[in-house]
Amino acid sequence: MREHIESMLDTLKFGSITLVVQDGKIVQIEKNEKVRLQSNKIR
């Protein structure tokens, strides 16, 4: 479990990781990643 979370953290640039706990045990891990797009505008 710990290795899985660390692996997710290593690949995440912008976003969040949420642990869902029931009865004191982790039952779900959610990874939300944001992708930053570069603007093509010329200034």
N, C-alpha and C. Protein backbone atom coordinates (compact mmCIF):
# COMPACT_ATOMS: atom_id res chain seq x y z
N MET A 1 0.84 -1.19 0.00
CA MET A 1 0.00 0.00 0.00
C MET A 1 0.88 1.25 0.00
N ARG A 2 1.84 1.31 0.87
CA ARG A 2 2.71 2.48 0.96
C ARG A 2 3.47 2.71 -0.34
N GLU A 3 3.97 1.63 -0.93
CA GLU A 3 4.72 1.75 -2.18
C GLU A 3 3.81 2.28 -3.30
N HIS A 4 2.55 1.87 -3.29
CA HIS A 4 1.59 2.33 -4.30
C HIS A 4 1.36 3.84 -4.17
N ILE A 5 1.19 4.31 -2.96
CA ILE A 5 0.98 5.74 -2.72
C ILE A 5 2.23 6.53 -3.11
N GLU A 6 3.41 6.05 -2.75
CA GLU A 6 4.65 6.73 -3.11
C GLU A 6 4.83 6.80 -4.62
N SER A 7 4.45 5.73 -5.32
CA SER A 7 4.53 5.71 -6.77
C SER A 7 3.61 6.75 -7.39
N MET A 8 2.41 6.89 -6.83
CA MET A 8 1.47 7.90 -7.30
C MET A 8 2.02 9.30 -7.08
N LEU A 9 2.65 9.53 -5.94
CA LEU A 9 3.23 10.83 -5.63
C LEU A 9 4.37 11.18 -6.57
N ASP A 10 5.16 10.18 -6.95
CA ASP A 10 6.30 10.41 -7.84
C ASP A 10 5.86 10.88 -9.22
N THR A 11 4.68 10.46 -9.67
CA THR A 11 4.23 10.80 -11.02
C THR A 11 3.28 11.99 -11.05
N LEU A 12 2.97 12.57 -9.89
CA LEU A 12 1.99 13.66 -9.82
C LEU A 12 2.70 15.01 -9.79
N LYS A 13 2.38 15.88 -10.78
CA LYS A 13 2.96 17.23 -10.79
C LYS A 13 2.02 18.22 -10.13
N PHE A 14 0.77 18.24 -10.55
CA PHE A 14 -0.24 19.13 -9.99
C PHE A 14 -1.49 18.31 -9.72
N GLY A 15 -2.02 18.36 -8.52
CA GLY A 15 -3.23 17.62 -8.21
C GLY A 15 -3.28 17.19 -6.76
N SER A 16 -4.04 16.12 -6.52
CA SER A 16 -4.20 15.65 -5.15
C SER A 16 -4.39 14.14 -5.11
N ILE A 17 -4.07 13.57 -3.97
CA ILE A 17 -4.32 12.15 -3.69
C ILE A 17 -5.17 12.10 -2.44
N THR A 18 -6.29 11.39 -2.52
CA THR A 18 -7.23 11.29 -1.40
C THR A 18 -7.30 9.84 -0.93
N LEU A 19 -7.19 9.65 0.37
CA LEU A 19 -7.36 8.33 0.97
C LEU A 19 -8.76 8.24 1.56
N VAL A 20 -9.50 7.20 1.21
CA VAL A 20 -10.83 6.97 1.76
C VAL A 20 -10.70 5.89 2.83
N VAL A 21 -11.15 6.20 4.04
CA VAL A 21 -10.99 5.31 5.18
C VAL A 21 -12.35 4.87 5.71
N GLN A 22 -12.49 3.57 5.97
CA GLN A 22 -13.69 3.03 6.61
C GLN A 22 -13.25 2.08 7.72
N ASP A 23 -13.83 2.25 8.86
CA ASP A 23 -13.50 1.42 10.04
C ASP A 23 -12.00 1.41 10.33
N GLY A 24 -11.34 2.57 10.12
CA GLY A 24 -9.93 2.69 10.43
C GLY A 24 -8.99 2.08 9.41
N LYS A 25 -9.51 1.65 8.25
CA LYS A 25 -8.67 1.04 7.22
C LYS A 25 -8.86 1.78 5.90
N ILE A 26 -7.78 1.91 5.15
CA ILE A 26 -7.85 2.54 3.84
C ILE A 26 -8.54 1.57 2.89
N VAL A 27 -9.63 2.04 2.28
CA VAL A 27 -10.38 1.18 1.36
C VAL A 27 -10.31 1.68 -0.09
N GLN A 28 -9.84 2.92 -0.28
CA GLN A 28 -9.80 3.48 -1.63
C GLN A 28 -8.78 4.60 -1.69
N ILE A 29 -8.11 4.70 -2.83
CA ILE A 29 -7.17 5.79 -3.09
C ILE A 29 -7.61 6.47 -4.37
N GLU A 30 -7.78 7.79 -4.31
CA GLU A 30 -8.19 8.55 -5.48
C GLU A 30 -7.08 9.52 -5.86
N LYS A 31 -6.78 9.59 -7.16
CA LYS A 31 -5.76 10.50 -7.66
C LYS A 31 -6.41 11.45 -8.66
N ASN A 32 -6.34 12.74 -8.36
CA ASN A 32 -6.86 13.77 -9.25
C ASN A 32 -5.68 14.58 -9.75
N GLU A 33 -5.50 14.59 -11.06
CA GLU A 33 -4.35 15.28 -11.63
C GLU A 33 -4.82 16.43 -12.51
N LYS A 34 -4.15 17.55 -12.37
CA LYS A 34 -4.42 18.72 -13.21
C LYS A 34 -3.34 18.81 -14.27
N VAL A 35 -3.75 19.13 -15.48
CA VAL A 35 -2.80 19.29 -16.58
C VAL A 35 -2.79 20.76 -16.97
N ARG A 36 -1.63 21.37 -16.89
CA ARG A 36 -1.49 22.78 -17.24
C ARG A 36 -1.16 22.90 -18.72
N LEU A 37 -2.00 23.60 -19.45
CA LEU A 37 -1.78 23.80 -20.88
C LEU A 37 -1.10 25.13 -21.11
N GLN A 38 -0.15 25.16 -22.03
CA GLN A 38 0.54 26.40 -22.36
C GLN A 38 -0.30 27.20 -23.33
N SER A 39 -0.30 28.49 -23.16
CA SER A 39 -1.04 29.39 -24.05
C SER A 39 -0.27 29.57 -25.35
N ASN A 40 -1.00 29.59 -26.47
CA ASN A 40 -0.39 29.78 -27.79
C ASN A 40 -0.46 31.24 -28.23
N LYS A 41 -0.91 32.12 -27.35
CA LYS A 41 -1.04 33.54 -27.70
C LYS A 41 0.33 34.19 -27.82
N ILE A 42 0.47 35.07 -28.81
CA ILE A 42 1.69 35.85 -28.98
C ILE A 42 1.43 37.24 -28.42
N ARG A 43 2.28 37.69 -27.52
CA ARG A 43 2.08 39.00 -26.88
C ARG A 43 3.07 40.00 -27.35
